[in-house]
Amino acid sequence: MYAEVTALLNLAWLRIVADDPSGARDEAQRALRRWSRIGFYVQHLYALRIETYCDLYQDDRERPSARA
């Protein structure tokens, strides 16, 4: 499961590079649905980082600080 979730999170980066931030968000959310909802793991941090980069890519500077 670790490898699958990590692969999905890495695919999200490729979506950002391909000018598809909404696809990147979808990949990150899909990865998190496979991961534990109990606790906070590095995979949650990675998904949050992807979401933040998507926000910045779309020039939405308010959204990342609202998550904090």
C-alpha atoms as a PDB file:
ATOM      1  CA  MET A   1       0.000   0.000   0.000  1.00  0.00           C
ATOM      2  CA  TYR A   2       2.878   2.349   0.782  1.00  0.00           C
ATOM      3  CA  ALA A   3       4.270   1.973  -2.750  1.00  0.00           C
ATOM      4  CA  GLU A   4       0.859   2.513  -4.331  1.00  0.00           C
ATOM      5  CA  VAL A   5       0.124   5.656  -2.338  1.00  0.00           C
ATOM      6  CA  THR A   6       3.616   7.029  -2.962  1.00  0.00           C
ATOM      7  CA  ALA A   7       3.240   6.367  -6.694  1.00  0.00           C
ATOM      8  CA  LEU A   8      -0.106   8.187  -6.789  1.00  0.00           C
ATOM      9  CA  LEU A   9       1.378  11.171  -4.972  1.00  0.00           C
ATOM     10  CA  ASN A  10       4.256  11.268  -7.449  1.00  0.00           C
ATOM     11  CA  LEU A  11       1.792  11.126 -10.339  1.00  0.00           C
ATOM     12  CA  ALA A  12       0.194  14.227  -8.887  1.00  0.00           C
ATOM     13  CA  TRP A  13       3.479  16.113  -9.396  1.00  0.00           C
ATOM     14  CA  LEU A  14       3.483  15.067 -13.040  1.00  0.00           C
ATOM     15  CA  ARG A  15      -0.015  16.491 -13.421  1.00  0.00           C
ATOM     16  CA  ILE A  16       1.151  19.857 -12.098  1.00  0.00           C
ATOM     17  CA  VAL A  17       4.015  19.839 -14.601  1.00  0.00           C
ATOM     18  CA  ALA A  18       1.525  18.957 -17.341  1.00  0.00           C
ATOM     19  CA  ASP A  19      -0.545  22.066 -16.496  1.00  0.00           C
ATOM     20  CA  ASP A  20      -3.308  20.049 -14.819  1.00  0.00           C
ATOM     21  CA  PRO A  21      -3.577  21.223 -11.190  1.00  0.00           C
ATOM     22  CA  SER A  22      -7.118  19.919 -10.775  1.00  0.00           C
ATOM     23  CA  GLY A  23      -5.930  16.486 -11.929  1.00  0.00           C
ATOM     24  CA  ALA A  24      -3.078  16.741  -9.424  1.00  0.00           C
ATOM     25  CA  ARG A  25      -5.571  17.437  -6.632  1.00  0.00           C
ATOM     26  CA  ASP A  26      -7.615  14.439  -7.722  1.00  0.00           C
ATOM     27  CA  GLU A  27      -4.534  12.182  -7.648  1.00  0.00           C
ATOM     28  CA  ALA A  28      -3.577  13.421  -4.177  1.00  0.00           C
ATOM     29  CA  GLN A  29      -7.091  12.835  -2.855  1.00  0.00           C
ATOM     30  CA  ARG A  30      -7.202   9.399  -4.455  1.00  0.00           C
ATOM     31  CA  ALA A  31      -3.928   8.556  -2.726  1.00  0.00           C
ATOM     32  CA  LEU A  32      -5.240   9.696   0.645  1.00  0.00           C
ATOM     33  CA  ARG A  33      -8.393   7.600   0.272  1.00  0.00           C
ATOM     34  CA  ARG A  34      -6.096   4.564   0.184  1.00  0.00           C
ATOM     35  CA  TRP A  35      -4.214   5.651   3.315  1.00  0.00           C
ATOM     36  CA  SER A  36      -5.170   5.585   6.999  1.00  0.00           C
ATOM     37  CA  ARG A  37      -7.508   8.283   8.279  1.00  0.00           C
ATOM     38  CA  ILE A  38      -6.325   7.713  11.834  1.00  0.00           C
ATOM     39  CA  GLY A  39      -3.362   9.871  12.766  1.00  0.00           C
ATOM     40  CA  PHE A  40      -1.195  12.092  10.607  1.00  0.00           C
ATOM     41  CA  TYR A  41       1.482  10.528   8.433  1.00  0.00           C
ATOM     42  CA  VAL A  42       4.066  11.857   6.029  1.00  0.00           C
ATOM     43  CA  GLN A  43       1.696  10.903   3.194  1.00  0.00           C
ATOM     44  CA  HIS A  44      -0.789  13.452   4.538  1.00  0.00           C
ATOM     45  CA  LEU A  45       1.957  16.059   4.520  1.00  0.00           C
ATOM     46  CA  TYR A  46       2.894  15.176   0.936  1.00  0.00           C
ATOM     47  CA  ALA A  47      -0.725  15.511  -0.185  1.00  0.00           C
ATOM     48  CA  LEU A  48      -1.028  18.837   1.615  1.00  0.00           C
ATOM     49  CA  ARG A  49       2.127  20.030  -0.119  1.00  0.00           C
ATOM     50  CA  ILE A  50       0.696  19.046  -3.508  1.00  0.00           C
ATOM     51  CA  GLU A  51      -2.532  20.914  -2.755  1.00  0.00           C
ATOM     52  CA  THR A  52      -0.541  23.980  -1.726  1.00  0.00           C
ATOM     53  CA  TYR A  53       1.556  23.922  -4.888  1.00  0.00           C
ATOM     54  CA  CYS A  54      -1.637  23.613  -6.928  1.00  0.00           C
ATOM     55  CA  ASP A  55      -3.018  26.680  -5.163  1.00  0.00           C
ATOM     56  CA  LEU A  56       0.123  28.656  -5.864  1.00  0.00           C
ATOM     57  CA  TYR A  57       0.230  27.415  -9.452  1.00  0.00           C
ATOM     58  CA  GLN A  58      -3.301  28.750  -9.901  1.00  0.00           C
ATOM     59  CA  ASP A  59      -2.268  32.045  -8.247  1.00  0.00           C
ATOM     60  CA  ASP A  60      -4.566  31.483  -5.256  1.00  0.00           C
ATOM     61  CA  ARG A  61      -2.509  32.842  -2.371  1.00  0.00           C
ATOM     62  CA  GLU A  62      -5.380  32.874   0.127  1.00  0.00           C
ATOM     63  CA  ARG A  63      -6.203  29.181   0.100  1.00  0.00           C
ATOM     64  CA  PRO A  64      -2.900  27.788   1.458  1.00  0.00           C
ATOM     65  CA  SER A  65      -2.984  30.039   4.507  1.00  0.00           C
ATOM     66  CA  ALA A  66      -6.624  29.073   5.136  1.00  0.00           C
ATOM     67  CA  ARG A  67      -5.500  25.438   5.517  1.00  0.00           C
ATOM     68  CA  ALA A  68      -2.979  26.302   8.231  1.00  0.00           C
END
